[in-house]
Protein backbone atom coordinates (compact mmCIF):
# COMPACT_ATOMS: atom_id res chain seq x y z
CA MET A 1 57.05 104.11 168.84
CA TYR A 2 58.19 104.15 165.22
CA SER A 3 55.57 106.21 162.94
CA SER A 4 54.13 109.72 163.72
CA SER A 5 50.78 108.56 163.61
CA SER A 6 51.10 105.27 165.06
CA TYR A 7 54.33 104.60 166.97
CA ALA A 8 56.14 107.95 167.82
CA HIS A 9 54.21 111.44 168.85
CA LEU A 10 57.34 113.10 167.76
CA GLU A 11 56.78 116.74 167.79
CA CYS A 12 53.69 118.08 169.10
CA ASP A 13 54.34 121.88 167.96
CA GLU A 14 53.32 119.78 163.96
CA CYS A 15 49.71 118.19 165.58
CA GLY A 16 49.45 121.04 167.68
CA GLY A 17 48.13 118.90 171.02
CA CYS A 18 50.57 120.73 173.24
CA ASP A 19 50.54 124.20 174.77
CA GLY A 20 51.76 126.44 177.33
CA ARG A 21 55.42 124.94 177.10
CA ARG A 22 58.12 127.19 178.26
CA GLN A 23 60.64 128.38 175.69
CA VAL A 24 64.19 126.76 175.47
CA SER A 25 66.37 128.44 177.59
CA ALA A 26 69.90 130.32 176.41
CA ASP A 27 72.18 127.61 178.08
CA CYS A 28 70.57 124.77 176.89
CA ALA A 29 69.40 125.82 173.42
CA PRO A 30 68.53 122.80 171.12
CA HIS A 31 70.86 123.81 168.14
CA SER A 32 74.10 123.95 169.95
CA LEU A 33 76.19 121.65 168.59
CA GLY A 34 77.91 121.20 172.01
CA SER A 35 81.42 119.54 172.53
CA PRO A 36 82.68 116.10 171.11
CA GLY A 37 81.86 113.10 173.20
CA SER A 38 84.04 110.43 174.46
CA ALA A 39 86.30 108.62 171.85
CA ARG A 40 86.35 105.52 173.23
CA GLY A 41 85.52 102.56 170.76
CA CYS A 42 82.67 99.98 171.59
CA PRO A 43 83.47 96.46 172.14
CA GLU A 44 83.12 93.82 169.54
CA PRO A 45 79.56 92.66 169.42
CA SER A 46 78.25 89.02 170.13
CA PRO A 47 76.29 87.58 166.73
CA ARG A 48 73.52 89.09 166.41
CA GLN A 49 72.65 89.33 170.32
CA ARG A 50 75.13 91.79 170.09
CA ASP A 51 73.91 94.35 169.45
CA PHE A 52 74.98 96.05 172.42
CA VAL A 53 76.63 94.65 175.53
CA MET A 54 78.33 98.11 175.47
CA SER A 55 80.07 99.76 178.30
CA THR A 56 77.64 102.21 180.14
CA SER A 57 79.86 104.22 182.38
CA GLU A 58 82.49 103.48 184.91
CA LYS A 59 80.18 103.55 187.50
CA MET A 60 77.60 100.81 185.98
CA THR A 61 77.66 97.47 184.99
CA PRO A 62 77.12 96.41 181.10
CA VAL A 63 74.08 95.17 180.22
CA ALA A 64 72.67 93.56 177.40
CA PRO A 65 69.69 95.07 175.26
CA HIS A 66 67.09 92.67 176.03
CA SER A 67 67.96 93.42 180.03
CA GLU A 68 67.67 97.28 179.39
CA PHE A 69 64.44 96.92 177.19
CA ALA A 70 62.68 94.34 179.60
CA GLN A 71 63.69 97.30 182.68
CA VAL A 72 61.97 100.00 180.67
CA ILE A 73 58.88 98.02 179.66
CA GLY A 74 58.20 97.07 183.26
CA CYS A 75 58.97 100.08 184.71
CA GLY A 76 55.60 101.31 187.36
CA ARG A 77 56.71 104.66 188.51
CA CYS A 78 54.01 106.64 186.96
CA SER A 79 50.41 106.31 187.06
CA ILE A 80 47.16 108.25 186.24
CA ALA A 81 47.38 109.61 189.94
CA GLY A 82 50.27 111.62 188.99
CA ASP A 83 49.65 112.28 185.10
CA ARG A 84 45.75 112.52 183.92
CA HIS A 85 46.83 112.49 180.43
CA LEU A 86 49.18 109.18 180.90
CA LEU A 87 48.15 105.76 179.63
CA ARG A 88 49.52 103.12 181.18
CA ASP A 89 48.05 99.71 181.59
CA ASP A 90 49.39 95.85 181.59
CA ALA A 91 47.85 95.25 178.10
CA GLU A 92 48.15 97.88 174.75
CA ASN A 93 49.71 100.60 177.13
CA VAL A 94 53.36 98.87 178.27
CA PRO A 95 56.28 101.59 178.15
CA GLN A 96 58.34 101.43 175.03
CA PRO A 97 62.00 100.89 174.92
CA GLY A 98 62.98 102.30 171.58
CA TYR A 99 64.78 100.41 168.71
CA VAL A 100 68.76 99.92 168.02
CA GLY A 101 69.21 98.97 164.35
CA SER A 102 71.92 96.23 163.18
CA GLY A 103 74.49 98.73 162.36
CA TYR A 104 74.38 101.24 165.45
CA SER A 105 77.59 99.85 166.45
CA VAL A 106 79.35 101.94 163.90
CA SER A 107 77.38 104.67 163.65
CA ARG A 108 75.97 105.79 167.03
CA VAL A 109 73.36 108.25 166.02
CA LEU A 110 70.51 108.30 168.35
CA LEU A 111 67.18 109.90 167.20
CA VAL A 112 65.02 111.01 170.62
CA GLY A 113 61.18 111.73 169.88
CA GLN A 114 58.73 112.95 172.39
CA ASN A 115 56.67 110.29 173.57
CA PRO A 116 54.74 107.02 172.01
CA GLY A 117 51.89 107.96 170.08
CA THR A 118 48.55 106.12 170.38
CA PRO A 119 47.93 103.38 167.64
CA LYS A 120 46.38 104.92 164.27
CA THR A 121 47.35 104.24 160.79
CA LEU A 122 49.59 101.09 161.86
CA ALA A 123 46.47 99.72 164.31
CA ARG A 124 46.73 96.28 163.01
CA GLU A 125 50.13 95.98 164.04
CA ASP A 126 50.06 97.12 167.26
CA LEU A 127 48.82 94.14 168.84
CA PRO A 128 51.68 92.05 167.85
CA TYR A 129 54.04 94.55 168.89
CA THR A 130 52.54 95.74 172.40
CA ALA A 131 52.66 91.47 172.94
CA ALA A 132 56.05 91.18 171.93
CA LEU A 133 56.82 93.97 174.63
CA ARG A 134 54.68 92.31 177.10
CA ALA A 135 56.88 88.36 176.02
CA LEU A 136 60.13 90.38 177.12
CA ARG A 137 59.24 92.45 179.95
CA ASP A 138 57.92 88.81 181.42
CA ASP A 139 60.88 86.95 180.13
CA PRO A 140 63.59 89.17 179.77
CA SER A 141 65.89 86.78 177.63
CA PRO A 142 67.65 87.05 174.49
CA ALA A 143 65.07 84.95 172.28
CA GLN A 144 62.37 87.36 173.42
CA TYR A 145 64.47 90.33 172.39
CA GLU A 146 65.11 88.69 168.78
CA ALA A 147 61.74 88.36 168.63
CA LEU A 148 60.47 92.21 169.25
CA ASP A 149 63.50 93.26 167.15
CA SER A 150 62.44 90.82 163.64
CA LEU A 151 58.82 92.17 164.40
CA LEU A 152 60.14 95.96 164.27
CA GLU A 153 62.11 94.79 161.24
CA ALA A 154 59.09 93.74 159.64
CA PHE A 155 57.23 97.38 159.73
CA ILE A 156 59.85 99.89 160.33
CA PRO A 157 60.65 100.82 156.79
CA ARG A 158 57.43 102.59 156.54
CA TRP A 159 58.65 105.11 159.53
CA PRO A 160 58.47 108.39 158.24
CA VAL A 161 62.04 108.94 160.19
CA HIS A 162 63.60 108.61 156.41
CA GLY A 163 60.95 111.30 155.04
CA SER A 164 60.51 114.66 156.67
CA TYR A 165 61.21 114.31 159.88
CA PHE A 166 65.00 113.43 160.03
CA PRO A 167 67.02 113.56 156.91
CA LEU A 168 68.57 109.88 156.53
CA ALA A 169 69.63 109.42 153.57
CA GLU A 170 71.20 112.70 153.33
CA CYS A 171 73.37 112.08 156.33
CA GLY A 172 74.47 108.76 154.62
CA LEU A 173 72.48 106.69 156.54
CA SER A 174 70.03 104.01 157.17
CA LEU A 175 67.56 102.99 159.06
CA ARG A 176 69.93 100.19 160.54
CA ASP A 177 72.52 102.68 161.40
CA ILE A 178 70.21 104.42 163.84
CA ALA A 179 68.78 103.78 167.34
CA TYR A 180 65.63 105.87 168.89
CA CYS A 181 64.00 106.45 171.75
CA ASN A 182 61.47 108.82 173.39
CA ILE A 183 62.00 111.07 176.24
CA VAL A 184 58.81 109.77 177.49
CA ARG A 185 58.35 106.17 177.26
CA CYS A 186 54.83 105.91 177.69
CA ARG A 187 51.84 106.79 175.65
CA THR A 188 49.07 109.19 176.43
CA THR A 189 45.50 110.85 175.83
CA ASP A 190 45.05 112.10 172.47
CA ASP A 191 48.91 112.49 171.68
CA LYS A 192 48.84 115.05 174.82
CA SER A 193 52.13 116.32 176.19
CA PRO A 194 53.13 114.37 179.09
CA GLY A 195 52.88 116.03 182.94
CA ARG A 196 56.02 117.41 184.57
CA ALA A 197 56.03 114.54 187.00
CA THR A 198 56.04 111.59 184.26
CA ILE A 199 58.75 114.00 182.00
CA ALA A 200 61.33 114.11 185.22
CA ASN A 201 60.86 110.33 185.80
CA CYS A 202 61.33 109.56 182.37
CA THR A 203 64.06 112.00 182.05
CA SER A 204 66.05 111.02 185.23
CA THR A 205 65.50 107.20 184.71
CA HIS A 206 65.45 105.53 181.46
CA PHE A 207 67.12 108.79 179.39
CA ALA A 208 69.83 108.76 181.76
CA ARG A 209 70.47 104.98 181.23
CA CYS A 210 69.78 104.71 177.26
CA LEU A 211 72.56 107.74 176.96
CA ALA A 212 74.81 106.03 179.19
CA PHE A 213 73.68 102.61 177.61
CA LEU A 214 73.93 103.40 173.96
CA GLU A 215 77.11 105.93 174.06
CA PRO A 216 75.94 107.88 171.24
CA ARG A 217 78.42 109.72 168.86
CA VAL A 218 75.53 112.14 168.28
CA VAL A 219 71.89 113.23 169.41
CA VAL A 220 69.28 114.51 167.50
CA PHE A 221 66.09 115.38 168.71
CA ILE A 222 62.82 115.06 166.73
CA GLY A 223 61.26 118.14 167.66
CA LYS A 224 61.43 121.10 169.70
CA TRP A 225 59.85 119.96 172.52
CA ALA A 226 62.00 116.77 172.94
CA ALA A 227 65.36 119.16 172.61
CA GLU A 228 64.14 121.44 175.83
CA HIS A 229 63.31 118.20 177.81
CA GLY A 230 66.32 116.33 176.71
CA ALA A 231 69.28 118.54 175.64
CA GLY A 232 70.55 119.22 179.62
CA PRO A 233 71.65 115.66 179.68
CA VAL A 234 72.89 114.99 176.48
CA GLN A 235 74.81 118.45 176.70
CA ARG A 236 76.01 117.52 180.18
CA ALA A 237 77.66 114.36 178.60
CA GLY A 238 79.11 116.09 175.94
CA ILE A 239 77.45 114.84 173.28
CA PRO A 240 77.44 116.85 170.22
CA PHE A 241 73.69 117.62 169.05
CA ALA A 242 70.85 119.21 167.38
CA PHE A 243 67.20 119.20 166.84
CA MET A 244 65.15 118.92 163.51
CA ASN A 245 62.83 122.14 163.90
CA ARG A 246 59.12 120.99 162.78
CA GLN A 247 57.21 123.58 163.89
CA ARG A 248 54.14 124.76 161.67
CA SER A 249 55.52 128.29 161.54
CA LEU A 250 59.14 128.00 160.00
CA SER A 251 59.69 129.24 157.02
CA SER A 252 60.75 127.24 154.31
CA GLU A 253 64.16 128.95 154.56
CA GLY A 254 64.29 128.42 158.42
CA ARG A 255 63.55 124.50 157.67
CA ALA A 256 66.09 124.10 155.09
CA ALA A 257 68.68 125.79 157.17
CA ASN A 258 67.70 123.69 159.96
CA ARG A 259 68.24 120.50 157.52
CA ALA A 260 71.71 121.40 156.53
CA GLU A 261 72.42 121.89 159.97
CA VAL A 262 71.68 118.52 161.27
CA ILE A 263 73.35 117.14 158.23
CA ALA A 264 76.34 118.67 158.69
CA LEU A 265 76.57 117.65 162.35
CA VAL A 266 75.77 114.01 161.85
CA ARG A 267 78.39 114.14 158.59
CA GLY A 268 80.95 115.45 160.76
CA VAL A 269 80.87 113.86 163.78
CA VAL A 270 79.95 110.07 162.26
CA GLY A 271 81.26 110.46 158.39
CA ASP A 272 80.28 108.62 155.47
CA ILE A 273 79.82 105.07 157.10
CA THR A 274 78.88 103.79 153.61
CA ARG A 275 82.72 103.44 152.70
CA ARG A 276 83.73 101.79 156.01
CA GLU A 277 84.95 98.32 155.41
CA GLY A 278 82.18 95.42 156.76
CA THR A 279 79.52 97.86 158.00
CA PRO A 280 75.96 96.04 157.41
CA ARG A 281 73.74 97.73 154.92
């Protein structure tokens, strides 16, 4: 879930694993900054379980993170019968809900990737990670959520989101200030692009719930693929968004311009949270 080589297959343009994708339509351009989202604030977090018993919407009951995460991990809507590239079992290949930093309730910056990658450089860490996912699925309690969160905190500093994938420091953020999820929550063989049915299921169910649950102030898609498949729901929700263009063919000037655009959007919406009194760092 949380590194390009092991936990997050963030952008198939980078690895060359996905061919034949449609282009972004003009009415759903991922570089659009959209319109400002809701101005309503977040409820006060409870101690460390906290994280969120955030309101989701007028039509949804507020949910706690352990319940929301367990629902994702236990999802069984998709199977290899409908997506031949899907990796789905009850052992190492369970759906992955994402990550919510301890300071997210202040910044509410959501990063969105493609789908979880197969273990490579962090293969050793994958076993306890997927075990913690299964434990939360089987016992959706605050204690199991905290165990998963603690495990992630131990290795997430190696996550390359704070390197070339996303200008974390330049946006005035740390890893604990952001949340992360994927459009599709399951791994695929050889990190291939998920099938249409899988994308439709995950987008309409888990991604829609994620947006309502987390109420982000701004969304940044990591790669064009994620933007193509996630910009619609974000735009309809009135949330400002942009995407990190990771295409290999992009010129250095184009990459710098894209990076500057994302930084300007995030800072413009969130501001410099490092100067806010009481913000956990």
